Structure formats: C-alpha cells, structure tokens
Amino acid sequence: VQLVESGGGLVSPGGSLRLSCLASGLNFTSYVMSWVRQAPGKEHEVVASVSPSGDSKDYGDFVRGRFTISRDNAKNTVYLEMISLNSDDTAMYYCHTVPGNYWGQGTQVTVSS
C-alpha cells in the first residue's frame, strides 16, 4: 500500500491550497480516507474524513467551514481544499486510511507572510 501526498507549500495568510493523496495497492473504495495534521510540538489531529462512497464527511472543529474534503474513486485520490489559511494551519499534512491504518509520507503546509 502506498499513499502519496502532494500540493503542500508556502502560502500567505488568507491564501489557499489544494492537497492531493494518490493511493495504490489497496481497494480504495473499501476505505475511509482522512487527512491528519501534526504541527511541531503538537499531537496529531484529524482534519477531515470522507466515507468510501464520498457521501459522508466529517471535519475537525477548527476547520470552521474553511476546508473541503473530497475523493475521486475512479482516480484513487482524495483531496483537501483549504481556504482562508492562517498560521495555526502550519503543519505536516498526512493521508490516512481506516481500516488498515496506512499513512503517507506527508506534505508540508506553511502559512507565513
């Protein structure tokens, strides 16, 4: 199983980014897909999760309507659209599966002026 994240980078406060996670080696439609982030010195926190069909989505309280998770099962890819980014969103963002507990290598998001 391989999860490969992309789309991170340096963005100014108020900016936006779109993260992607390409999955391989698994039956993608059998998994809940999540984005999990970890800032330096902090615990992991779940940013968003999407059901196998894409119909059900959950978000961390801190998202406050700024992020949107989606998936394209034909492309084995899950996305995270982020707007109105602020410095508190600076973290490594990981793709994660349930079940299986598979993790990607992460993509760094840095929000700074």
Protein backbone atom coordinates (compact mmCIF):
# COMPACT_ATOMS: atom_id res chain seq x y z
CA VAL A 1 0.00 0.00 0.00
CA GLN A 2 1.27 3.44 -0.91
CA LEU A 3 -0.22 6.84 -0.16
CA VAL A 4 1.48 9.78 -1.87
CA GLU A 5 0.53 13.30 -0.83
CA SER A 6 1.22 16.42 -2.85
CA GLY A 7 0.18 20.05 -3.06
CA GLY A 8 1.70 21.48 0.09
CA GLY A 9 3.86 24.58 0.14
CA LEU A 10 4.32 28.09 1.47
CA VAL A 11 1.26 30.32 1.36
CA SER A 12 0.43 33.75 2.75
CA PRO A 13 -2.21 34.17 5.46
CA GLY A 14 -5.63 34.15 3.86
CA GLY A 15 -4.38 32.06 0.98
CA SER A 16 -5.50 28.68 -0.27
CA LEU A 17 -4.05 25.30 -1.17
CA ARG A 18 -5.31 22.03 -2.59
CA LEU A 19 -3.77 18.84 -1.28
CA SER A 20 -3.98 15.52 -3.11
CA CYS A 21 -3.35 11.96 -1.97
CA LEU A 22 -2.94 9.22 -4.54
CA ALA A 23 -3.49 5.72 -3.17
CA SER A 24 -2.25 2.47 -4.67
CA GLY A 25 -2.06 -1.15 -3.64
CA LEU A 26 -5.44 -1.23 -1.94
CA ASN A 27 -9.11 -1.45 -2.79
CA PHE A 28 -9.64 2.29 -2.48
CA THR A 29 -13.42 2.15 -2.23
CA SER A 30 -13.20 -0.02 0.90
CA TYR A 31 -11.54 2.68 2.97
CA VAL A 32 -12.49 5.76 4.87
CA MET A 33 -9.88 8.34 3.89
CA SER A 34 -8.70 11.05 6.24
CA TRP A 35 -6.36 13.98 6.34
CA VAL A 36 -4.45 14.24 9.61
CA ARG A 37 -2.03 17.01 10.51
CA GLN A 38 0.74 17.46 13.01
CA ALA A 39 2.33 20.76 13.91
CA PRO A 40 5.74 20.90 15.60
CA GLY A 41 5.43 20.00 19.27
CA LYS A 42 1.75 19.13 18.96
CA GLU A 43 -0.30 15.95 18.75
CA HIS A 44 -1.81 14.61 15.55
CA GLU A 45 -5.27 16.00 14.85
CA VAL A 46 -7.80 14.77 12.34
CA VAL A 47 -8.55 17.49 9.82
CA ALA A 48 -11.24 15.75 7.79
CA SER A 49 -12.56 12.32 6.85
CA VAL A 50 -14.66 11.06 3.94
CA SER A 51 -16.61 7.82 3.68
CA PRO A 52 -15.84 5.24 0.98
CA SER A 53 -18.68 6.49 -1.19
CA GLY A 54 -17.84 10.15 -0.60
CA ASP A 55 -21.32 10.88 0.73
CA SER A 56 -20.38 11.39 4.37
CA LYS A 57 -17.76 13.88 5.54
CA ASP A 58 -16.53 14.97 8.95
CA TYR A 59 -14.31 17.87 9.91
CA GLY A 60 -12.31 18.96 12.92
CA ASP A 61 -13.91 21.79 14.86
CA PHE A 62 -11.02 24.09 13.97
CA VAL A 63 -11.84 23.83 10.25
CA ARG A 64 -14.88 26.11 10.66
CA GLY A 65 -16.04 25.73 7.07
CA ARG A 66 -12.68 26.60 5.53
CA PHE A 67 -11.70 23.15 4.26
CA THR A 68 -13.44 20.68 1.96
CA ILE A 69 -12.54 17.01 1.65
CA SER A 70 -13.49 15.05 -1.45
CA ARG A 71 -12.50 11.88 -3.25
CA ASP A 72 -12.42 10.60 -6.79
CA ASN A 73 -12.76 6.82 -6.58
CA ALA A 74 -12.02 6.45 -10.30
CA LYS A 75 -8.62 8.05 -9.69
CA ASN A 76 -7.91 6.53 -6.24
CA THR A 77 -7.38 10.06 -5.00
CA VAL A 78 -8.56 12.08 -2.03
CA TYR A 79 -8.35 15.87 -1.95
CA LEU A 80 -8.34 18.61 0.66
CA GLU A 81 -9.26 22.09 -0.49
CA MET A 82 -8.17 24.70 2.05
CA ILE A 83 -9.05 28.39 2.03
CA SER A 84 -8.57 31.26 4.49
CA LEU A 85 -5.40 29.66 5.79
CA ASN A 86 -3.76 31.07 8.88
CA SER A 87 -0.57 30.42 10.80
CA ASP A 88 -2.30 27.86 13.01
CA ASP A 89 -2.74 25.68 9.92
CA THR A 90 1.02 25.30 9.53
CA ALA A 91 1.73 21.58 9.87
CA MET A 92 2.65 18.40 8.09
CA TYR A 93 -0.48 17.00 6.48
CA TYR A 94 -0.82 13.24 6.15
CA CYS A 95 -3.19 10.99 4.28
CA HIS A 96 -4.54 8.13 6.40
CA THR A 97 -6.81 5.13 5.91
CA VAL A 98 -9.34 3.33 8.09
CA PRO A 99 -9.10 0.36 8.34
CA GLY A 100 -5.51 -0.59 7.71
CA ASN A 101 -4.01 2.46 9.44
CA TYR A 102 -1.91 3.27 6.38
CA TRP A 103 -0.08 6.60 6.28
CA GLY A 104 1.53 8.66 3.57
CA GLN A 105 4.85 10.46 3.94
CA GLY A 106 3.13 13.81 4.39
CA THR A 107 3.18 17.16 2.66
CA GLN A 108 4.24 20.32 4.46
CA VAL A 109 1.91 23.31 4.63
CA THR A 110 3.43 26.54 5.87
CA VAL A 111 1.34 29.68 6.29
CA SER A 112 3.50 32.74 6.67
CA SER A 113 3.86 36.26 5.36
